Structure formats: structure tokens, C-alpha cells
PDB file of N, CA and C in Angstrom:
ATOM      1  N   MET A   1      -0.124 -12.569 -21.195  1.00  0.00           N
ATOM      2  CA  MET A   1      -0.135 -10.759 -20.655  1.00  0.00           C
ATOM      3  C   MET A   1      -0.713 -10.732 -20.463  1.00  0.00           C
ATOM      4  N   THR A   2      -0.766 -10.188 -18.793  1.00  0.00           N
ATOM      5  CA  THR A   2      -1.910  -9.478 -18.596  1.00  0.00           C
ATOM      6  C   THR A   2      -1.739  -7.635 -18.622  1.00  0.00           C
ATOM      7  N   GLU A   3      -2.849  -7.172 -19.363  1.00  0.00           N
ATOM      8  CA  GLU A   3      -2.473  -5.994 -19.310  1.00  0.00           C
ATOM      9  C   GLU A   3      -2.726  -4.906 -17.885  1.00  0.00           C
ATOM     10  N   THR A   4      -2.491  -3.985 -18.009  1.00  0.00           N
ATOM     11  CA  THR A   4      -2.095  -3.337 -16.749  1.00  0.00           C
ATOM     12  C   THR A   4      -2.651  -2.161 -16.873  1.00  0.00           C
ATOM     13  N   ARG A   5      -3.958  -1.963 -16.071  1.00  0.00           N
ATOM     14  CA  ARG A   5      -4.816  -0.272 -17.099  1.00  0.00           C
ATOM     15  C   ARG A   5      -4.499   0.811 -15.740  1.00  0.00           C
ATOM     16  N   VAL A   6      -3.994   2.626 -16.501  1.00  0.00           N
ATOM     17  CA  VAL A   6      -3.588   2.930 -15.583  1.00  0.00           C
ATOM     18  C   VAL A   6      -4.718   3.509 -15.263  1.00  0.00           C
ATOM     19  N   GLU A   7      -5.336   3.686 -14.060  1.00  0.00           N
ATOM     20  CA  GLU A   7      -6.219   4.659 -13.946  1.00  0.00           C
ATOM     21  C   GLU A   7      -5.495   6.442 -13.846  1.00  0.00           C
ATOM     22  N   SER A   8      -6.310   7.396 -13.602  1.00  0.00           N
ATOM     23  CA  SER A   8      -6.006   9.063 -12.958  1.00  0.00           C
ATOM     24  C   SER A   8      -6.218   8.860 -11.485  1.00  0.00           C
ATOM     25  N   TRP A   9      -5.998   8.996 -10.030  1.00  0.00           N
ATOM     26  CA  TRP A   9      -6.281   9.647  -9.745  1.00  0.00           C
ATOM     27  C   TRP A   9      -5.977  11.117  -8.739  1.00  0.00           C
ATOM     28  N   THR A  10      -7.028  11.755  -8.097  1.00  0.00           N
ATOM     29  CA  THR A  10      -6.903  12.815  -7.886  1.00  0.00           C
ATOM     30  C   THR A  10      -6.925  12.672  -6.233  1.00  0.00           C
ATOM     31  N   PHE A  11      -4.961  13.650  -5.658  1.00  0.00           N
ATOM     32  CA  PHE A  11      -4.912  13.710  -4.137  1.00  0.00           C
ATOM     33  C   PHE A  11      -5.576  15.254  -4.263  1.00  0.00           C
ATOM     34  N   TYR A  12      -5.604  15.460  -2.741  1.00  0.00           N
ATOM     35  CA  TYR A  12      -5.976  16.444  -2.218  1.00  0.00           C
ATOM     36  C   TYR A  12      -5.037  17.033  -0.598  1.00  0.00           C
ATOM     37  N   TRP A  13      -4.192  17.828  -1.316  1.00  0.00           N
ATOM     38  CA  TRP A  13      -3.401  18.337   0.136  1.00  0.00           C
ATOM     39  C   TRP A  13      -3.698  18.936   1.014  1.00  0.00           C
ATOM     40  N   LEU A  14      -3.117  18.870   2.552  1.00  0.00           N
ATOM     41  CA  LEU A  14      -3.396  19.739   3.238  1.00  0.00           C
ATOM     42  C   LEU A  14      -3.005  21.082   2.690  1.00  0.00           C
ATOM     43  N   THR A  15      -2.386  21.399   1.811  1.00  0.00           N
ATOM     44  CA  THR A  15      -2.083  22.152   1.572  1.00  0.00           C
ATOM     45  C   THR A  15      -2.543  23.489   0.980  1.00  0.00           C
ATOM     46  N   GLY A  16      -3.589  22.796   0.907  1.00  0.00           N
ATOM     47  CA  GLY A  16      -4.793  23.357  -0.369  1.00  0.00           C
ATOM     48  C   GLY A  16      -4.330  23.264  -1.820  1.00  0.00           C
ATOM     49  N   GLN A  17      -3.366  22.054  -2.383  1.00  0.00           N
ATOM     50  CA  GLN A  17      -2.688  21.832  -3.574  1.00  0.00           C
ATOM     51  C   GLN A  17      -3.659  20.400  -3.707  1.00  0.00           C
ATOM     52  N   ARG A  18      -4.547  20.493  -5.433  1.00  0.00           N
ATOM     53  CA  ARG A  18      -4.907  19.453  -5.786  1.00  0.00           C
ATOM     54  C   ARG A  18      -3.939  18.761  -7.133  1.00  0.00           C
ATOM     55  N   GLU A  19      -3.799  17.734  -7.055  1.00  0.00           N
ATOM     56  CA  GLU A  19      -2.582  16.945  -8.404  1.00  0.00           C
ATOM     57  C   GLU A  19      -3.770  15.563  -8.142  1.00  0.00           C
ATOM     58  N   VAL A  20      -4.018  14.959  -9.703  1.00  0.00           N
ATOM     59  CA  VAL A  20      -3.938  14.336 -10.497  1.00  0.00           C
ATOM     60  C   VAL A  20      -3.359  13.750 -11.659  1.00  0.00           C
ATOM     61  N   LEU A  21      -2.623  12.267 -10.709  1.00  0.00           N
ATOM     62  CA  LEU A  21      -1.792  11.986 -11.161  1.00  0.00           C
ATOM     63  C   LEU A  21      -1.744  10.157 -11.464  1.00  0.00           C
ATOM     64  N   PRO A  22      -1.294   9.934 -12.843  1.00  0.00           N
ATOM     65  CA  PRO A  22      -1.335   8.182 -13.360  1.00  0.00           C
ATOM     66  C   PRO A  22      -1.247   7.029 -12.052  1.00  0.00           C
ATOM     67  N   GLY A  23      -2.067   6.473 -12.773  1.00  0.00           N
ATOM     68  CA  GLY A  23      -1.253   5.191 -11.544  1.00  0.00           C
ATOM     69  C   GLY A  23      -2.413   4.014 -11.856  1.00  0.00           C
ATOM     70  N   ALA A  24      -2.200   2.516 -11.519  1.00  0.00           N
ATOM     71  CA  ALA A  24      -3.140   1.555 -11.610  1.00  0.00           C
ATOM     72  C   ALA A  24      -3.203   1.475 -10.066  1.00  0.00           C
ATOM     73  N   THR A  25      -3.578   2.112  -9.358  1.00  0.00           N
ATOM     74  CA  THR A  25      -3.856   2.238  -7.459  1.00  0.00           C
ATOM     75  C   THR A  25      -3.213   3.796  -7.481  1.00  0.00           C
ATOM     76  N   ALA A  26      -4.194   4.075  -6.434  1.00  0.00           N
ATOM     77  CA  ALA A  26      -3.589   5.186  -5.378  1.00  0.00           C
ATOM     78  C   ALA A  26      -1.745   5.203  -4.759  1.00  0.00           C
ATOM     79  N   VAL A  27      -1.884   4.337  -4.881  1.00  0.00           N
ATOM     80  CA  VAL A  27       0.091   3.579  -4.109  1.00  0.00           C
ATOM     81  C   VAL A  27       0.848   3.914  -5.613  1.00  0.00           C
ATOM     82  N   ASP A  28       0.374   3.478  -6.529  1.00  0.00           N
ATOM     83  CA  ASP A  28       1.081   3.458  -7.539  1.00  0.00           C
ATOM     84  C   ASP A  28       1.078   4.971  -8.529  1.00  0.00           C
ATOM     85  N   ALA A  29       0.792   5.336  -8.104  1.00  0.00           N
ATOM     86  CA  ALA A  29       0.227   6.513  -8.923  1.00  0.00           C
ATOM     87  C   ALA A  29       1.407   8.111  -7.552  1.00  0.00           C
ATOM     88  N   LEU A  30       1.617   7.464  -6.729  1.00  0.00           N
ATOM     89  CA  LEU A  30       1.853   8.456  -5.902  1.00  0.00           C
ATOM     90  C   LEU A  30       3.506   7.660  -6.018  1.00  0.00           C
ATOM     91  N   ASN A  31       4.106   6.352  -6.061  1.00  0.00           N
ATOM     92  CA  ASN A  31       4.929   6.140  -6.246  1.00  0.00           C
ATOM     93  C   ASN A  31       5.376   6.523  -7.699  1.00  0.00           C
ATOM     94  N   ARG A  32       5.070   6.525  -8.757  1.00  0.00           N
ATOM     95  CA  ARG A  32       5.221   7.024  -9.860  1.00  0.00           C
ATOM     96  C   ARG A  32       5.763   8.323  -9.920  1.00  0.00           C
ATOM     97  N   ALA A  33       4.967   9.448  -8.709  1.00  0.00           N
ATOM     98  CA  ALA A  33       5.293  10.777  -8.843  1.00  0.00           C
ATOM     99  C   ALA A  33       6.412  11.037  -7.689  1.00  0.00           C
ATOM    100  N   GLY A  34       6.715  10.318  -7.329  1.00  0.00           N
ATOM    101  CA  GLY A  34       8.525   9.945  -6.443  1.00  0.00           C
ATOM    102  C   GLY A  34       8.102  10.076  -5.326  1.00  0.00           C
ATOM    103  N   TYR A  35       6.730  10.295  -4.845  1.00  0.00           N
ATOM    104  CA  TYR A  35       6.688  10.844  -3.406  1.00  0.00           C
ATOM    105  C   TYR A  35       6.544   9.138  -1.938  1.00  0.00           C
ATOM    106  N   GLY A  36       6.889   9.528  -0.859  1.00  0.00           N
ATOM    107  CA  GLY A  36       7.638   8.559  -0.460  1.00  0.00           C
ATOM    108  C   GLY A  36       6.590   8.407   0.621  1.00  0.00           C
ATOM    109  N   ALA A  37       6.789   7.291   1.623  1.00  0.00           N
ATOM    110  CA  ALA A  37       5.738   7.084   2.707  1.00  0.00           C
ATOM    111  C   ALA A  37       5.224   8.469   3.197  1.00  0.00           C
ATOM    112  N   GLY A  38       6.819   9.244   3.558  1.00  0.00           N
ATOM    113  CA  GLY A  38       6.285  10.765   4.495  1.00  0.00           C
ATOM    114  C   GLY A  38       5.481  11.261   4.247  1.00  0.00           C
ATOM    115  N   ALA A  39       5.298  11.418   2.647  1.00  0.00           N
ATOM    116  CA  ALA A  39       4.527  12.318   2.639  1.00  0.00           C
ATOM    117  C   ALA A  39       2.730  12.291   2.404  1.00  0.00           C
ATOM    118  N   LEU A  40       2.309  11.653   3.209  1.00  0.00           N
ATOM    119  CA  LEU A  40       1.482  10.925   3.314  1.00  0.00           C
ATOM    120  C   LEU A  40       0.804  12.095   4.773  1.00  0.00           C
ATOM    121  N   ARG A  41       1.476  11.953   5.399  1.00  0.00           N
ATOM    122  CA  ARG A  41       1.477  13.202   6.462  1.00  0.00           C
ATOM    123  C   ARG A  41       0.633  14.174   5.866  1.00  0.00           C
ATOM    124  N   ALA A  42       0.906  14.722   4.728  1.00  0.00           N
ATOM    125  CA  ALA A  42       0.597  16.013   4.132  1.00  0.00           C
ATOM    126  C   ALA A  42      -0.879  16.136   3.117  1.00  0.00           C
ATOM    127  N   LEU A  43      -0.842  14.559   3.052  1.00  0.00           N
ATOM    128  CA  LEU A  43      -1.955  14.143   2.378  1.00  0.00           C
ATOM    129  C   LEU A  43      -3.654  14.195   3.348  1.00  0.00           C
ATOM    130  N   ASP A  44      -4.772  15.203   2.537  1.00  0.00           N
ATOM    131  CA  ASP A  44      -5.531  15.030   3.426  1.00  0.00           C
ATOM    132  C   ASP A  44      -6.805  13.490   2.752  1.00  0.00           C
ATOM    133  N   PHE A  45      -7.328  13.953   2.003  1.00  0.00           N
ATOM    134  CA  PHE A  45      -7.787  12.684   0.787  1.00  0.00           C
ATOM    135  C   PHE A  45      -7.736  12.191  -0.591  1.00  0.00           C
ATOM    136  N   PHE A  46      -7.932  11.590  -1.376  1.00  0.00           N
ATOM    137  CA  PHE A  46      -7.423  11.143  -2.399  1.00  0.00           C
ATOM    138  C   PHE A  46      -8.998  10.383  -3.445  1.00  0.00           C
ATOM    139  N   ALA A  47      -8.901  10.845  -4.443  1.00  0.00           N
ATOM    140  CA  ALA A  47     -10.367  10.102  -5.460  1.00  0.00           C
ATOM    141  C   ALA A  47      -9.901   9.396  -6.089  1.00  0.00           C
ATOM    142  N   GLU A  48     -10.809   7.886  -6.618  1.00  0.00           N
ATOM    143  CA  GLU A  48     -10.245   7.505  -8.405  1.00  0.00           C
ATOM    144  C   GLU A  48     -10.522   8.526  -9.484  1.00  0.00           C
ATOM    145  N   GLY A  49     -10.040   8.971 -10.241  1.00  0.00           N
ATOM    146  CA  GLY A  49     -10.493   9.764 -11.747  1.00  0.00           C
ATOM    147  C   GLY A  49      -9.801  11.133 -11.020  1.00  0.00           C
ATOM    148  N   ASP A  50     -10.216  11.530 -12.176  1.00  0.00           N
ATOM    149  CA  ASP A  50      -9.889  13.331 -12.370  1.00  0.00           C
ATOM    150  C   ASP A  50     -11.220  14.421 -11.879  1.00  0.00           C
ATOM    151  N   HIS A  51     -11.486  14.563  -9.896  1.00  0.00           N
ATOM    152  CA  HIS A  51     -12.227  15.013  -9.735  1.00  0.00           C
ATOM    153  C   HIS A  51     -12.151  16.009  -9.461  1.00  0.00           C
ATOM    154  N   ASP A  52     -13.269  16.862  -9.611  1.00  0.00           N
ATOM    155  CA  ASP A  52     -13.095  18.677  -9.482  1.00  0.00           C
ATOM    156  C   ASP A  52     -13.729  19.632  -8.242  1.00  0.00           C
ATOM    157  N   GLY A  53     -14.539  18.174  -7.820  1.00  0.00           N
ATOM    158  CA  GLY A  53     -15.816  18.835  -6.605  1.00  0.00           C
ATOM    159  C   GLY A  53     -16.122  19.366  -5.465  1.00  0.00           C
ATOM    160  N   TRP A  54     -14.108  19.452  -4.993  1.00  0.00           N
ATOM    161  CA  TRP A  54     -13.687  20.356  -3.607  1.00  0.00           C
ATOM    162  C   TRP A  54     -13.229  21.194  -4.510  1.00  0.00           C
ATOM    163  N   ALA A  55     -13.409  21.802  -3.201  1.00  0.00           N
ATOM    164  CA  ALA A  55     -12.622  23.652  -3.247  1.00  0.00           C
ATOM    165  C   ALA A  55     -11.889  23.616  -2.007  1.00  0.00           C
ATOM    166  N   TRP A  56     -11.103  24.151  -1.813  1.00  0.00           N
ATOM    167  CA  TRP A  56     -10.229  24.665  -0.378  1.00  0.00           C
ATOM    168  C   TRP A  56     -10.376  25.798   0.098  1.00  0.00           C
ATOM    169  N   ASN A  57     -10.792  26.119   1.063  1.00  0.00           N
ATOM    170  CA  ASN A  57     -11.430  27.588   1.833  1.00  0.00           C
ATOM    171  C   ASN A  57      -9.697  27.884   2.638  1.00  0.00           C
ATOM    172  N   PRO A  58      -9.291  28.799   1.742  1.00  0.00           N
ATOM    173  CA  PRO A  58      -7.970  29.055   2.872  1.00  0.00           C
ATOM    174  C   PRO A  58      -8.047  29.754   4.094  1.00  0.00           C
ATOM    175  N   ASP A  59      -9.216  30.209   4.359  1.00  0.00           N
ATOM    176  CA  ASP A  59      -9.387  31.567   5.708  1.00  0.00           C
ATOM    177  C   ASP A  59      -9.341  29.764   6.964  1.00  0.00           C
ATOM    178  N   THR A  60     -10.675  28.965   6.036  1.00  0.00           N
ATOM    179  CA  THR A  60     -10.783  27.436   7.397  1.00  0.00           C
ATOM    180  C   THR A  60      -9.348  26.144   7.349  1.00  0.00           C
ATOM    181  N   ARG A  61      -8.659  26.479   6.010  1.00  0.00           N
ATOM    182  CA  ARG A  61      -8.167  25.529   5.966  1.00  0.00           C
ATOM    183  C   ARG A  61      -8.261  23.970   5.792  1.00  0.00           C
ATOM    184  N   HIS A  62      -9.541  24.047   5.571  1.00  0.00           N
ATOM    185  CA  HIS A  62     -10.115  22.576   4.737  1.00  0.00           C
ATOM    186  C   HIS A  62     -10.810  22.783   3.418  1.00  0.00           C
ATOM    187  N   TRP A  63     -10.624  20.992   2.817  1.00  0.00           N
ATOM    188  CA  TRP A  63     -11.806  21.281   1.408  1.00  0.00           C
ATOM    189  C   TRP A  63     -13.044  20.900   1.806  1.00  0.00           C
ATOM    190  N   GLY A  64     -14.227  21.516   1.366  1.00  0.00           N
ATOM    191  CA  GLY A  64     -15.318  21.746   1.342  1.00  0.00           C
ATOM    192  C   GLY A  64     -16.086  21.248  -0.093  1.00  0.00           C
ATOM    193  N   LYS A  65     -17.391  21.145  -0.556  1.00  0.00           N
ATOM    194  CA  LYS A  65     -17.294  20.885  -1.536  1.00  0.00           C
ATOM    195  C   LYS A  65     -17.775  21.820  -2.034  1.00  0.00           C
ATOM    196  N   ALA A  66     -17.213  21.732  -3.728  1.00  0.00           N
ATOM    197  CA  ALA A  66     -17.055  22.604  -4.902  1.00  0.00           C
ATOM    198  C   ALA A  66     -18.817  23.897  -4.489  1.00  0.00           C
ATOM    199  N   ASP A  67     -19.663  23.389  -4.393  1.00  0.00           N
ATOM    200  CA  ASP A  67     -20.751  24.798  -4.606  1.00  0.00           C
ATOM    201  C   ASP A  67     -21.408  25.344  -2.748  1.00  0.00           C
ATOM    202  N   ASP A  68     -20.410  24.796  -1.999  1.00  0.00           N
ATOM    203  CA  ASP A  68     -20.320  25.342  -0.686  1.00  0.00           C
ATOM    204  C   ASP A  68     -19.575  26.303  -0.509  1.00  0.00           C
ATOM    205  N   ARG A  69     -19.281  27.061  -1.697  1.00  0.00           N
ATOM    206  CA  ARG A  69     -17.531  28.062  -1.847  1.00  0.00           C
ATOM    207  C   ARG A  69     -17.764  28.853  -1.336  1.00  0.00           C
ATOM    208  N   ALA A  70     -19.723  29.258  -1.412  1.00  0.00           N
ATOM    209  CA  ALA A  70     -20.470  30.341  -1.315  1.00  0.00           C
ATOM    210  C   ALA A  70     -20.440  31.048  -0.077  1.00  0.00           C
TER     211      ALA A  70
END
């Protein structure tokens, strides 16, 4: 029997929300959380693992490197 390794994925949404979800793949993580294909329109980008290197700028409504917040 093959063991499925569960990873974590960080999703960055166009609303400025950051969400970490478990899953073997990014698609698996979104499916486990109950997101459908329509949610992809609200997704900006994602990264493998639990990342906190990005910050939401509410003025420009864009994500940027966390050290560029100043």
C-alpha cells in the first residue's frame, strides 16, 4: 500500500486573505476545503508549504514581498 503524504499549501486570494490548507497537491487542498472550480477566479497565487513572505497592500490591492511593506 502506498502512503499519501499530506502537504500544506498557502493560498493568496485577491481579497487580501492568506489561507493555509492541507493536501497532497494544491488541487487536493482546495477540494478538501470545499472550494469549487469557480474559486480559481478569486485566487491570486499559491505556494507549497506554510509561507508568510507576502503582504497585502490594501491601497494597491496587490500582494508584495513582506519586506517591501514599508
